[in-house]
Amino acid sequence: MKDYHCCATCQHFKAEKKAEGMFYFCKRLGYETKSSYKFNCWSPREEIKKLMDKK
């Protein structure tokens, strides 16, 4: 799990390209984040769950 646990692999992570650059935020928490941040509310996407099961 430690290899995958970060905001970028979470189902609530959203990335948007804006004129100022990329904007990353958590749809669940409702605030800006970074792709490498880690929170206890992490819910991995389905493809990430499959990768973790393979390991």
N, C-alpha and C. Protein backbone atom coordinates (compact mmCIF):
# COMPACT_ATOMS: atom_id res chain seq x y z
N MET A 1 0.82 -1.19 0.00
CA MET A 1 0.00 0.00 0.00
C MET A 1 0.86 1.25 0.00
N LYS A 2 2.01 1.21 0.67
CA LYS A 2 2.84 2.42 0.76
C LYS A 2 3.33 2.91 -0.60
N ASP A 3 3.43 1.99 -1.57
CA ASP A 3 3.86 2.38 -2.91
C ASP A 3 2.78 3.15 -3.66
N TYR A 4 1.54 3.00 -3.25
CA TYR A 4 0.42 3.59 -3.98
C TYR A 4 -0.31 4.69 -3.21
N HIS A 5 -0.14 4.75 -1.89
CA HIS A 5 -0.92 5.68 -1.08
C HIS A 5 -0.47 7.13 -1.30
N CYS A 6 -1.22 7.84 -2.12
CA CYS A 6 -1.02 9.26 -2.34
C CYS A 6 -2.27 9.81 -3.02
N CYS A 7 -2.45 11.09 -2.99
CA CYS A 7 -3.65 11.70 -3.55
C CYS A 7 -3.86 11.37 -5.03
N ALA A 8 -2.81 11.28 -5.79
CA ALA A 8 -2.93 11.04 -7.23
C ALA A 8 -3.59 9.70 -7.55
N THR A 9 -3.57 8.74 -6.63
CA THR A 9 -4.17 7.43 -6.87
C THR A 9 -5.55 7.29 -6.24
N CYS A 10 -6.03 8.35 -5.65
CA CYS A 10 -7.33 8.33 -4.95
C CYS A 10 -8.48 8.63 -5.92
N GLN A 11 -9.62 8.03 -5.67
CA GLN A 11 -10.78 8.26 -6.52
C GLN A 11 -11.34 9.67 -6.39
N HIS A 12 -10.96 10.40 -5.36
CA HIS A 12 -11.46 11.76 -5.15
C HIS A 12 -10.53 12.84 -5.71
N PHE A 13 -9.38 12.44 -6.22
CA PHE A 13 -8.39 13.38 -6.76
C PHE A 13 -8.85 13.91 -8.10
N LYS A 14 -8.78 15.21 -8.28
CA LYS A 14 -9.20 15.85 -9.53
C LYS A 14 -8.09 16.79 -9.99
N ALA A 15 -7.74 16.72 -11.26
CA ALA A 15 -6.74 17.59 -11.86
C ALA A 15 -7.40 18.39 -12.97
N GLU A 16 -7.19 19.69 -12.96
CA GLU A 16 -7.74 20.56 -14.00
C GLU A 16 -6.65 21.44 -14.57
N LYS A 17 -6.65 21.59 -15.88
CA LYS A 17 -5.69 22.47 -16.54
C LYS A 17 -6.36 23.83 -16.70
N LYS A 18 -5.73 24.84 -16.14
CA LYS A 18 -6.24 26.21 -16.21
C LYS A 18 -5.18 27.09 -16.88
N ALA A 19 -5.55 28.32 -17.18
CA ALA A 19 -4.62 29.25 -17.83
C ALA A 19 -3.36 29.47 -16.98
N GLU A 20 -3.51 29.42 -15.65
CA GLU A 20 -2.38 29.64 -14.74
C GLU A 20 -1.53 28.40 -14.57
N GLY A 21 -2.01 27.25 -15.05
CA GLY A 21 -1.29 26.00 -14.90
C GLY A 21 -2.21 24.92 -14.36
N MET A 22 -1.64 23.83 -13.92
CA MET A 22 -2.44 22.72 -13.40
C MET A 22 -2.94 23.05 -11.99
N PHE A 23 -4.16 22.60 -11.72
CA PHE A 23 -4.81 22.80 -10.43
C PHE A 23 -5.27 21.43 -9.94
N TYR A 24 -4.81 21.03 -8.76
CA TYR A 24 -5.14 19.73 -8.19
C TYR A 24 -5.95 19.93 -6.93
N PHE A 25 -7.05 19.18 -6.80
CA PHE A 25 -7.84 19.30 -5.59
C PHE A 25 -8.56 17.99 -5.27
N CYS A 26 -9.03 17.90 -4.04
CA CYS A 26 -9.77 16.73 -3.56
C CYS A 26 -11.25 17.05 -3.63
N LYS A 27 -11.98 16.27 -4.41
CA LYS A 27 -13.43 16.48 -4.53
C LYS A 27 -14.13 16.18 -3.21
N ARG A 28 -13.62 15.24 -2.46
CA ARG A 28 -14.25 14.85 -1.20
C ARG A 28 -14.04 15.92 -0.12
N LEU A 29 -12.81 16.34 0.05
CA LEU A 29 -12.50 17.32 1.09
C LEU A 29 -12.80 18.74 0.65
N GLY A 30 -12.76 18.98 -0.66
CA GLY A 30 -13.11 20.29 -1.19
C GLY A 30 -12.02 21.34 -1.13
N TYR A 31 -10.77 20.94 -1.09
CA TYR A 31 -9.70 21.92 -1.13
C TYR A 31 -8.52 21.46 -1.97
N GLU A 32 -7.65 22.40 -2.26
CA GLU A 32 -6.49 22.13 -3.11
C GLU A 32 -5.53 21.18 -2.41
N THR A 33 -4.89 20.33 -3.21
CA THR A 33 -3.93 19.37 -2.69
C THR A 33 -2.79 19.22 -3.70
N LYS A 34 -1.88 18.38 -3.43
CA LYS A 34 -0.79 18.02 -4.35
C LYS A 34 -0.89 16.53 -4.61
N SER A 35 -0.40 16.10 -5.75
CA SER A 35 -0.52 14.69 -6.12
C SER A 35 0.23 13.76 -5.17
N SER A 36 1.27 14.24 -4.52
CA SER A 36 2.07 13.40 -3.63
C SER A 36 1.61 13.43 -2.17
N TYR A 37 0.64 14.26 -1.84
CA TYR A 37 0.16 14.33 -0.45
C TYR A 37 -0.53 13.03 -0.07
N LYS A 38 -0.59 12.77 1.25
CA LYS A 38 -1.24 11.57 1.78
C LYS A 38 -2.19 11.97 2.90
N PHE A 39 -3.42 11.45 2.84
CA PHE A 39 -4.41 11.69 3.88
C PHE A 39 -5.00 10.35 4.31
N ASN A 40 -5.54 10.29 5.50
CA ASN A 40 -6.13 9.06 6.02
C ASN A 40 -7.43 8.68 5.31
N CYS A 41 -8.03 9.60 4.59
CA CYS A 41 -9.30 9.33 3.91
C CYS A 41 -9.09 8.72 2.53
N TRP A 42 -7.90 8.32 2.22
CA TRP A 42 -7.53 7.79 0.90
C TRP A 42 -8.42 6.63 0.49
N SER A 43 -9.03 6.73 -0.69
CA SER A 43 -9.84 5.66 -1.28
C SER A 43 -9.28 5.38 -2.67
N PRO A 44 -8.50 4.32 -2.83
CA PRO A 44 -7.84 4.08 -4.12
C PRO A 44 -8.83 3.79 -5.24
N ARG A 45 -8.46 4.21 -6.44
CA ARG A 45 -9.26 3.91 -7.63
C ARG A 45 -9.21 2.40 -7.88
N GLU A 46 -10.16 1.90 -8.67
CA GLU A 46 -10.25 0.46 -8.93
C GLU A 46 -8.98 -0.11 -9.54
N GLU A 47 -8.38 0.59 -10.50
CA GLU A 47 -7.16 0.07 -11.13
C GLU A 47 -5.99 0.01 -10.14
N ILE A 48 -5.98 0.90 -9.17
CA ILE A 48 -4.94 0.88 -8.13
C ILE A 48 -5.17 -0.30 -7.20
N LYS A 49 -6.42 -0.58 -6.86
CA LYS A 49 -6.73 -1.75 -6.02
C LYS A 49 -6.25 -3.03 -6.69
N LYS A 50 -6.45 -3.13 -8.00
CA LYS A 50 -6.01 -4.31 -8.73
C LYS A 50 -4.49 -4.44 -8.71
N LEU A 51 -3.80 -3.32 -8.86
CA LEU A 51 -2.33 -3.35 -8.81
C LEU A 51 -1.84 -3.77 -7.43
N MET A 52 -2.49 -3.31 -6.38
CA MET A 52 -2.10 -3.67 -5.02
C MET A 52 -2.36 -5.15 -4.77
N ASP A 53 -3.44 -5.69 -5.32
CA ASP A 53 -3.75 -7.11 -5.16
C ASP A 53 -2.72 -7.99 -5.86
N LYS A 54 -2.18 -7.53 -6.97
CA LYS A 54 -1.17 -8.29 -7.71
C LYS A 54 0.13 -8.43 -6.93
N LYS A 55 0.47 -7.40 -6.15
CA LYS A 55 1.73 -7.42 -5.39
C LYS A 55 1.68 -8.37 -4.28
